[in-house]
Amino acid sequence: MKILINQTPHELPNGATVADAITTVAARPPFAVAVNTVFVPNTRYAEHMLLADDRVEIISPVTGG
């Protein structure tokens, strides 16, 4: 199925989870994840199923001033 991860198209197998999306882009902590603009707690990454055309945002904190 096709999904967007940080606005870039990716192909993931049916039944993929947020954890699979994180692995696909090799995200390194710390980060937060939203699916279709809804925050997903890190305790649910492995169980939150993705659907075709979902928009996943993996957001890293920005430091500085």
N, C-alpha and C. Protein backbone atom coordinates (compact mmCIF):
# COMPACT_ATOMS: atom_id res chain seq x y z
N MET A 1 0.85 -1.18 0.00
CA MET A 1 0.00 0.00 0.00
C MET A 1 0.89 1.24 0.00
N LYS A 2 0.37 2.31 -0.56
CA LYS A 2 1.13 3.56 -0.60
C LYS A 2 0.73 4.45 0.57
N ILE A 3 1.75 4.99 1.24
CA ILE A 3 1.52 5.98 2.29
C ILE A 3 2.54 7.09 2.10
N LEU A 4 2.32 8.20 2.76
CA LEU A 4 3.29 9.28 2.76
C LEU A 4 3.95 9.32 4.13
N ILE A 5 5.27 9.34 4.13
CA ILE A 5 6.02 9.52 5.36
C ILE A 5 6.81 10.80 5.20
N ASN A 6 6.50 11.79 6.03
CA ASN A 6 7.11 13.12 5.92
C ASN A 6 7.01 13.64 4.49
N GLN A 7 5.85 13.48 3.90
CA GLN A 7 5.50 13.99 2.58
C GLN A 7 6.20 13.29 1.43
N THR A 8 6.83 12.14 1.70
CA THR A 8 7.50 11.36 0.67
C THR A 8 6.76 10.03 0.51
N PRO A 9 6.39 9.67 -0.72
CA PRO A 9 5.67 8.40 -0.92
C PRO A 9 6.54 7.19 -0.59
N HIS A 10 5.92 6.21 0.06
CA HIS A 10 6.57 4.94 0.39
C HIS A 10 5.58 3.82 0.15
N GLU A 11 6.09 2.67 -0.20
CA GLU A 11 5.26 1.48 -0.37
C GLU A 11 5.51 0.55 0.81
N LEU A 12 4.46 0.24 1.56
CA LEU A 12 4.55 -0.68 2.69
C LEU A 12 3.56 -1.82 2.47
N PRO A 13 3.82 -2.99 3.05
CA PRO A 13 2.88 -4.10 2.89
C PRO A 13 1.57 -3.84 3.64
N ASN A 14 0.51 -4.46 3.17
CA ASN A 14 -0.76 -4.38 3.90
C ASN A 14 -0.53 -4.89 5.32
N GLY A 15 -1.15 -4.24 6.30
CA GLY A 15 -0.99 -4.63 7.69
C GLY A 15 0.19 -3.96 8.36
N ALA A 16 0.86 -3.05 7.66
CA ALA A 16 2.01 -2.35 8.24
C ALA A 16 1.54 -1.46 9.40
N THR A 17 2.45 -1.24 10.34
CA THR A 17 2.16 -0.42 11.51
C THR A 17 3.03 0.84 11.50
N VAL A 18 2.78 1.70 12.46
CA VAL A 18 3.61 2.89 12.63
C VAL A 18 5.06 2.47 12.86
N ALA A 19 5.28 1.40 13.60
CA ALA A 19 6.65 0.92 13.84
C ALA A 19 7.33 0.57 12.51
N ASP A 20 6.58 -0.01 11.58
CA ASP A 20 7.14 -0.34 10.27
C ASP A 20 7.52 0.93 9.51
N ALA A 21 6.69 1.95 9.59
CA ALA A 21 6.98 3.22 8.92
C ALA A 21 8.25 3.85 9.50
N ILE A 22 8.40 3.79 10.81
CA ILE A 22 9.58 4.33 11.48
C ILE A 22 10.83 3.60 10.99
N THR A 23 10.74 2.29 10.90
CA THR A 23 11.86 1.48 10.43
C THR A 23 12.20 1.81 8.97
N THR A 24 11.18 2.03 8.16
CA THR A 24 11.38 2.32 6.74
C THR A 24 12.27 3.54 6.53
N VAL A 25 12.10 4.56 7.36
CA VAL A 25 12.90 5.78 7.19
C VAL A 25 14.07 5.85 8.17
N ALA A 26 14.28 4.78 8.92
CA ALA A 26 15.39 4.71 9.88
C ALA A 26 15.43 5.92 10.82
N ALA A 27 14.26 6.27 11.34
CA ALA A 27 14.17 7.41 12.27
C ALA A 27 14.91 7.08 13.56
N ARG A 28 15.60 8.08 14.08
CA ARG A 28 16.33 7.91 15.35
C ARG A 28 15.70 8.78 16.42
N PRO A 29 15.49 8.23 17.62
CA PRO A 29 14.90 9.02 18.70
C PRO A 29 15.79 10.21 19.07
N PRO A 30 15.25 11.24 19.59
CA PRO A 30 13.84 11.40 19.96
C PRO A 30 13.01 11.89 18.78
N PHE A 31 11.75 11.46 18.74
CA PHE A 31 10.81 11.93 17.74
C PHE A 31 9.39 11.67 18.24
N ALA A 32 8.45 12.32 17.59
CA ALA A 32 7.03 12.09 17.83
C ALA A 32 6.42 11.70 16.49
N VAL A 33 5.29 10.99 16.54
CA VAL A 33 4.65 10.53 15.31
C VAL A 33 3.18 10.93 15.31
N ALA A 34 2.74 11.39 14.15
CA ALA A 34 1.32 11.67 13.93
C ALA A 34 0.89 10.94 12.66
N VAL A 35 -0.31 10.39 12.68
CA VAL A 35 -0.90 9.76 11.50
C VAL A 35 -2.15 10.55 11.17
N ASN A 36 -2.17 11.13 9.99
CA ASN A 36 -3.30 11.97 9.56
C ASN A 36 -3.57 13.07 10.58
N THR A 37 -2.51 13.69 11.05
CA THR A 37 -2.49 14.80 12.01
C THR A 37 -2.90 14.43 13.44
N VAL A 38 -3.03 13.14 13.73
CA VAL A 38 -3.39 12.69 15.07
C VAL A 38 -2.16 12.05 15.72
N PHE A 39 -1.75 12.58 16.88
CA PHE A 39 -0.60 12.07 17.61
C PHE A 39 -0.79 10.59 17.97
N VAL A 40 0.27 9.81 17.79
CA VAL A 40 0.26 8.39 18.18
C VAL A 40 1.28 8.21 19.30
N PRO A 41 0.86 7.79 20.49
CA PRO A 41 1.81 7.58 21.58
C PRO A 41 2.81 6.47 21.23
N ASN A 42 4.03 6.61 21.71
CA ASN A 42 5.06 5.62 21.37
C ASN A 42 4.71 4.22 21.87
N THR A 43 3.85 4.11 22.85
CA THR A 43 3.43 2.80 23.34
C THR A 43 2.51 2.08 22.35
N ARG A 44 2.04 2.80 21.33
CA ARG A 44 1.11 2.22 20.35
C ARG A 44 1.72 2.05 18.96
N TYR A 45 3.01 2.38 18.79
CA TYR A 45 3.64 2.28 17.47
C TYR A 45 3.49 0.89 16.86
N ALA A 46 3.70 -0.15 17.65
CA ALA A 46 3.68 -1.52 17.12
C ALA A 46 2.28 -2.02 16.82
N GLU A 47 1.26 -1.39 17.39
CA GLU A 47 -0.11 -1.87 17.17
C GLU A 47 -0.97 -0.95 16.32
N HIS A 48 -0.50 0.27 16.07
CA HIS A 48 -1.29 1.21 15.26
C HIS A 48 -1.14 0.86 13.78
N MET A 49 -2.19 0.26 13.22
CA MET A 49 -2.17 -0.17 11.83
C MET A 49 -2.32 1.03 10.89
N LEU A 50 -1.62 0.96 9.78
CA LEU A 50 -1.72 2.01 8.76
C LEU A 50 -2.63 1.54 7.63
N LEU A 51 -3.24 2.51 6.97
CA LEU A 51 -4.10 2.24 5.83
C LEU A 51 -3.54 2.94 4.60
N ALA A 52 -3.91 2.46 3.44
CA ALA A 52 -3.46 3.10 2.20
C ALA A 52 -3.79 4.59 2.23
N ASP A 53 -2.86 5.38 1.75
CA ASP A 53 -2.98 6.84 1.66
C ASP A 53 -2.87 7.56 3.00
N ASP A 54 -2.50 6.85 4.08
CA ASP A 54 -2.26 7.55 5.35
C ASP A 54 -1.08 8.50 5.19
N ARG A 55 -1.11 9.55 5.98
CA ARG A 55 -0.01 10.52 6.02
C ARG A 55 0.65 10.41 7.39
N VAL A 56 1.89 9.95 7.40
CA VAL A 56 2.65 9.77 8.62
C VAL A 56 3.68 10.88 8.72
N GLU A 57 3.69 11.57 9.83
CA GLU A 57 4.70 12.61 10.09
C GLU A 57 5.54 12.16 11.26
N ILE A 58 6.85 12.07 11.05
CA ILE A 58 7.80 11.74 12.11
C ILE A 58 8.57 13.02 12.38
N ILE A 59 8.34 13.57 13.57
CA ILE A 59 8.81 14.92 13.89
C ILE A 59 9.87 14.85 14.97
N SER A 60 11.06 15.40 14.67
CA SER A 60 12.13 15.48 15.64
C SER A 60 12.13 16.85 16.29
N PRO A 61 12.47 16.93 17.57
CA PRO A 61 12.51 18.24 18.22
C PRO A 61 13.63 19.10 17.63
N VAL A 62 13.41 20.39 17.65
CA VAL A 62 14.40 21.34 17.16
C VAL A 62 14.91 22.13 18.35
N THR A 63 16.23 22.25 18.44
CA THR A 63 16.81 23.01 19.53
C THR A 63 17.51 24.24 18.98
N GLY A 64 17.81 25.13 19.83
CA GLY A 64 18.50 26.35 19.40
C GLY A 64 17.66 27.57 19.68
N GLY A 65 18.15 28.69 19.25
CA GLY A 65 17.39 29.89 19.55
C GLY A 65 17.55 30.97 18.57
